[in-house]
Amino acid sequence: MITAIVLIKTSVDRIPEIAESIAALDSVSEVFSVTGTYDLIAMVRVKRHEDLAEIIPGRISKIPGVEATDTHVAFRTYSQHDLEAAFAIGLDS
């Protein structure tokens, strides 16, 4: 699975509506409303790199009110949840 972190600038008067539209797209697992330079951060998870082109410039960028995106592709994922699950293997509860 390929994970992309998409930083999104939007029309500030429509952040909730834009966030909901993005969250409704296939391959978008979460959308966060944040402070700072960007208004939203979306987590996009796809099977192939080519799918990123379909979802980010092809769908997210075309939502009315989305002004700009900055995409970062993850090399590797580290998760506290995954570490806890690995150490719990074989333990009886």
N, C-alpha and C. Protein backbone atom coordinates (compact mmCIF):
# COMPACT_ATOMS: atom_id res chain seq x y z
N MET A 1 0.84 -1.17 0.00
CA MET A 1 0.00 0.00 0.00
C MET A 1 0.89 1.24 0.00
N ILE A 2 0.59 2.18 -0.84
CA ILE A 2 1.32 3.44 -0.95
C ILE A 2 0.53 4.51 -0.21
N THR A 3 1.20 5.24 0.67
CA THR A 3 0.54 6.29 1.43
C THR A 3 1.08 7.64 0.99
N ALA A 4 0.17 8.57 0.71
CA ALA A 4 0.55 9.95 0.38
C ALA A 4 -0.10 10.87 1.40
N ILE A 5 0.68 11.84 1.85
CA ILE A 5 0.19 12.88 2.75
C ILE A 5 0.01 14.11 1.87
N VAL A 6 -1.23 14.60 1.79
CA VAL A 6 -1.55 15.71 0.89
C VAL A 6 -1.89 16.94 1.73
N LEU A 7 -1.05 17.97 1.61
CA LEU A 7 -1.27 19.24 2.29
C LEU A 7 -2.11 20.09 1.34
N ILE A 8 -3.21 20.66 1.85
CA ILE A 8 -4.19 21.31 0.98
C ILE A 8 -4.50 22.72 1.46
N LYS A 9 -4.39 23.68 0.53
CA LYS A 9 -4.85 25.05 0.79
C LYS A 9 -6.23 25.19 0.18
N THR A 10 -7.14 25.82 0.94
CA THR A 10 -8.52 25.93 0.48
C THR A 10 -9.05 27.35 0.67
N SER A 11 -10.23 27.58 0.16
CA SER A 11 -10.97 28.79 0.49
C SER A 11 -11.36 28.67 1.96
N VAL A 12 -10.92 29.62 2.79
CA VAL A 12 -11.11 29.47 4.23
C VAL A 12 -12.57 29.49 4.66
N ASP A 13 -13.43 30.06 3.86
CA ASP A 13 -14.84 30.11 4.23
C ASP A 13 -15.58 28.81 3.93
N ARG A 14 -14.87 27.83 3.31
CA ARG A 14 -15.52 26.56 2.95
C ARG A 14 -14.77 25.33 3.46
N ILE A 15 -13.91 25.51 4.45
CA ILE A 15 -13.08 24.38 4.91
C ILE A 15 -13.90 23.15 5.28
N PRO A 16 -14.95 23.26 6.10
CA PRO A 16 -15.69 22.03 6.47
C PRO A 16 -16.31 21.31 5.27
N GLU A 17 -16.88 22.05 4.34
CA GLU A 17 -17.50 21.43 3.17
C GLU A 17 -16.46 20.77 2.26
N ILE A 18 -15.34 21.43 2.10
CA ILE A 18 -14.27 20.87 1.27
C ILE A 18 -13.70 19.62 1.93
N ALA A 19 -13.50 19.66 3.24
CA ALA A 19 -12.98 18.50 3.97
C ALA A 19 -13.93 17.31 3.82
N GLU A 20 -15.21 17.54 3.92
CA GLU A 20 -16.18 16.46 3.76
C GLU A 20 -16.16 15.88 2.35
N SER A 21 -16.02 16.74 1.34
CA SER A 21 -15.96 16.27 -0.04
C SER A 21 -14.71 15.42 -0.27
N ILE A 22 -13.59 15.85 0.29
CA ILE A 22 -12.35 15.07 0.14
C ILE A 22 -12.45 13.74 0.88
N ALA A 23 -12.98 13.77 2.09
CA ALA A 23 -13.11 12.55 2.90
C ALA A 23 -14.01 11.52 2.23
N ALA A 24 -14.94 11.96 1.41
CA ALA A 24 -15.87 11.05 0.74
C ALA A 24 -15.24 10.32 -0.45
N LEU A 25 -14.05 10.75 -0.88
CA LEU A 25 -13.40 10.12 -2.04
C LEU A 25 -12.82 8.76 -1.67
N ASP A 26 -12.92 7.83 -2.62
CA ASP A 26 -12.26 6.53 -2.45
C ASP A 26 -10.76 6.78 -2.31
N SER A 27 -10.10 6.01 -1.52
CA SER A 27 -8.66 6.07 -1.28
C SER A 27 -8.25 7.13 -0.27
N VAL A 28 -9.16 7.99 0.16
CA VAL A 28 -8.83 8.96 1.20
C VAL A 28 -9.25 8.35 2.52
N SER A 29 -8.28 8.12 3.42
CA SER A 29 -8.61 7.46 4.69
C SER A 29 -8.94 8.45 5.80
N GLU A 30 -8.30 9.62 5.81
CA GLU A 30 -8.57 10.65 6.81
C GLU A 30 -8.34 12.02 6.21
N VAL A 31 -9.05 12.99 6.77
CA VAL A 31 -8.81 14.40 6.43
C VAL A 31 -8.77 15.15 7.75
N PHE A 32 -7.72 15.94 7.95
CA PHE A 32 -7.55 16.71 9.18
C PHE A 32 -7.63 18.20 8.86
N SER A 33 -8.38 18.94 9.65
CA SER A 33 -8.37 20.39 9.58
C SER A 33 -7.26 20.84 10.53
N VAL A 34 -6.32 21.66 10.03
CA VAL A 34 -5.13 21.99 10.81
C VAL A 34 -4.85 23.49 10.81
N THR A 35 -3.96 23.90 11.71
CA THR A 35 -3.50 25.28 11.72
C THR A 35 -2.22 25.37 10.91
N GLY A 36 -1.83 26.58 10.56
CA GLY A 36 -0.58 26.77 9.84
C GLY A 36 -0.79 27.18 8.41
N THR A 37 0.21 26.91 7.60
CA THR A 37 0.21 27.32 6.19
C THR A 37 -0.90 26.65 5.38
N TYR A 38 -1.22 25.41 5.73
CA TYR A 38 -2.24 24.65 5.01
C TYR A 38 -3.51 24.58 5.85
N ASP A 39 -4.62 24.34 5.19
CA ASP A 39 -5.91 24.27 5.88
C ASP A 39 -6.33 22.84 6.20
N LEU A 40 -5.96 21.90 5.31
CA LEU A 40 -6.33 20.50 5.47
C LEU A 40 -5.14 19.60 5.17
N ILE A 41 -5.13 18.43 5.79
CA ILE A 41 -4.18 17.37 5.45
C ILE A 41 -4.99 16.12 5.20
N ALA A 42 -4.78 15.51 4.04
CA ALA A 42 -5.48 14.27 3.68
C ALA A 42 -4.49 13.12 3.59
N MET A 43 -4.90 11.98 4.09
CA MET A 43 -4.12 10.76 3.96
C MET A 43 -4.74 9.95 2.83
N VAL A 44 -3.94 9.68 1.81
CA VAL A 44 -4.41 8.93 0.64
C VAL A 44 -3.65 7.62 0.59
N ARG A 45 -4.38 6.52 0.47
CA ARG A 45 -3.75 5.19 0.42
C ARG A 45 -4.21 4.48 -0.85
N VAL A 46 -3.23 4.08 -1.68
CA VAL A 46 -3.52 3.44 -2.96
C VAL A 46 -2.60 2.24 -3.16
N LYS A 47 -2.95 1.41 -4.14
CA LYS A 47 -2.14 0.23 -4.43
C LYS A 47 -1.00 0.52 -5.41
N ARG A 48 -1.21 1.49 -6.32
CA ARG A 48 -0.21 1.78 -7.35
C ARG A 48 0.06 3.28 -7.40
N HIS A 49 1.30 3.63 -7.75
CA HIS A 49 1.64 5.05 -7.86
C HIS A 49 0.74 5.78 -8.87
N GLU A 50 0.38 5.08 -9.93
CA GLU A 50 -0.47 5.68 -10.95
C GLU A 50 -1.82 6.13 -10.37
N ASP A 51 -2.27 5.43 -9.33
CA ASP A 51 -3.54 5.78 -8.70
C ASP A 51 -3.47 7.14 -8.01
N LEU A 52 -2.27 7.54 -7.58
CA LEU A 52 -2.12 8.86 -6.95
C LEU A 52 -2.48 9.97 -7.93
N ALA A 53 -2.10 9.81 -9.19
CA ALA A 53 -2.42 10.81 -10.21
C ALA A 53 -3.92 10.93 -10.42
N GLU A 54 -4.60 9.82 -10.31
CA GLU A 54 -6.05 9.85 -10.48
C GLU A 54 -6.74 10.54 -9.31
N ILE A 55 -6.30 10.27 -8.10
CA ILE A 55 -7.01 10.80 -6.93
C ILE A 55 -6.59 12.22 -6.56
N ILE A 56 -5.30 12.56 -6.65
CA ILE A 56 -4.87 13.88 -6.16
C ILE A 56 -5.12 14.97 -7.21
N PRO A 57 -4.40 15.00 -8.33
CA PRO A 57 -4.73 16.06 -9.29
C PRO A 57 -6.04 15.81 -10.02
N GLY A 58 -6.43 14.54 -10.14
CA GLY A 58 -7.63 14.21 -10.89
C GLY A 58 -8.93 14.42 -10.13
N ARG A 59 -8.91 14.33 -8.81
CA ARG A 59 -10.15 14.46 -8.04
C ARG A 59 -10.04 15.52 -6.94
N ILE A 60 -9.04 15.42 -6.06
CA ILE A 60 -8.94 16.38 -4.95
C ILE A 60 -8.77 17.80 -5.47
N SER A 61 -7.85 18.00 -6.39
CA SER A 61 -7.57 19.36 -6.90
C SER A 61 -8.74 19.97 -7.66
N LYS A 62 -9.67 19.15 -8.10
CA LYS A 62 -10.81 19.65 -8.88
C LYS A 62 -12.03 19.97 -8.01
N ILE A 63 -11.94 19.72 -6.72
CA ILE A 63 -13.05 20.07 -5.83
C ILE A 63 -13.10 21.59 -5.70
N PRO A 64 -14.26 22.19 -5.93
CA PRO A 64 -14.37 23.65 -5.82
C PRO A 64 -13.91 24.14 -4.45
N GLY A 65 -13.02 25.13 -4.46
CA GLY A 65 -12.48 25.68 -3.21
C GLY A 65 -11.09 25.19 -2.88
N VAL A 66 -10.64 24.10 -3.52
CA VAL A 66 -9.25 23.65 -3.33
C VAL A 66 -8.36 24.55 -4.17
N GLU A 67 -7.44 25.23 -3.51
CA GLU A 67 -6.59 26.20 -4.20
C GLU A 67 -5.22 25.64 -4.58
N ALA A 68 -4.67 24.75 -3.74
CA ALA A 68 -3.34 24.18 -4.02
C ALA A 68 -3.15 22.93 -3.18
N THR A 69 -2.31 22.02 -3.70
CA THR A 69 -1.94 20.82 -2.94
C THR A 69 -0.42 20.66 -2.97
N ASP A 70 0.09 20.02 -1.94
CA ASP A 70 1.52 19.68 -1.83
C ASP A 70 1.56 18.25 -1.34
N THR A 71 2.03 17.33 -2.17
CA THR A 71 1.94 15.90 -1.88
C THR A 71 3.29 15.33 -1.46
N HIS A 72 3.26 14.52 -0.40
CA HIS A 72 4.45 13.83 0.10
C HIS A 72 4.14 12.34 0.13
N VAL A 73 4.97 11.53 -0.53
CA VAL A 73 4.77 10.08 -0.56
C VAL A 73 5.64 9.45 0.52
N ALA A 74 5.03 8.59 1.33
CA ALA A 74 5.75 7.94 2.42
C ALA A 74 6.63 6.81 1.89
N PHE A 75 7.87 6.74 2.40
CA PHE A 75 8.75 5.61 2.08
C PHE A 75 8.39 4.39 2.92
N ARG A 76 8.12 4.65 4.20
CA ARG A 76 7.87 3.58 5.16
C ARG A 76 6.92 4.13 6.22
N THR A 77 6.15 3.24 6.82
CA THR A 77 5.21 3.65 7.86
C THR A 77 5.64 3.06 9.20
N TYR A 78 5.67 3.90 10.21
CA TYR A 78 5.95 3.48 11.58
C TYR A 78 4.74 3.83 12.41
N SER A 79 4.26 2.88 13.19
CA SER A 79 3.05 3.12 13.95
C SER A 79 3.16 2.48 15.33
N GLN A 80 2.80 3.22 16.36
CA GLN A 80 2.79 2.68 17.72
C GLN A 80 1.82 1.51 17.81
N HIS A 81 0.69 1.62 17.12
CA HIS A 81 -0.30 0.55 17.10
C HIS A 81 0.31 -0.74 16.55
N ASP A 82 1.08 -0.65 15.47
CA ASP A 82 1.72 -1.82 14.87
C ASP A 82 2.74 -2.44 15.80
N LEU A 83 3.52 -1.60 16.50
CA LEU A 83 4.52 -2.11 17.43
C LEU A 83 3.87 -2.85 18.60
N GLU A 84 2.80 -2.30 19.14
CA GLU A 84 2.10 -2.94 20.25
C GLU A 84 1.53 -4.28 19.81
N ALA A 85 0.98 -4.36 18.61
CA ALA A 85 0.42 -5.62 18.10
C ALA A 85 1.52 -6.67 17.91
N ALA A 86 2.69 -6.25 17.44
CA ALA A 86 3.79 -7.18 17.23
C ALA A 86 4.28 -7.77 18.54
N PHE A 87 4.39 -6.95 19.58
CA PHE A 87 4.85 -7.45 20.87
C PHE A 87 3.80 -8.30 21.58
N ALA A 88 2.55 -8.18 21.19
CA ALA A 88 1.48 -8.94 21.83
C ALA A 88 1.27 -10.32 21.20
N ILE A 89 1.95 -10.61 20.09
CA ILE A 89 1.79 -11.90 19.43
C ILE A 89 2.18 -13.01 20.38
N GLY A 90 1.31 -13.97 20.54
CA GLY A 90 1.59 -15.12 21.39
C GLY A 90 1.25 -14.92 22.85
N LEU A 91 0.85 -13.74 23.24
CA LEU A 91 0.49 -13.51 24.63
C LEU A 91 -0.99 -13.80 24.81
N ASP A 92 -1.32 -14.50 25.88
CA ASP A 92 -2.72 -14.76 26.19
C ASP A 92 -3.27 -13.61 27.02
N SER A 93 -4.49 -13.19 26.70
CA SER A 93 -5.11 -12.11 27.46
C SER A 93 -5.91 -12.65 28.61
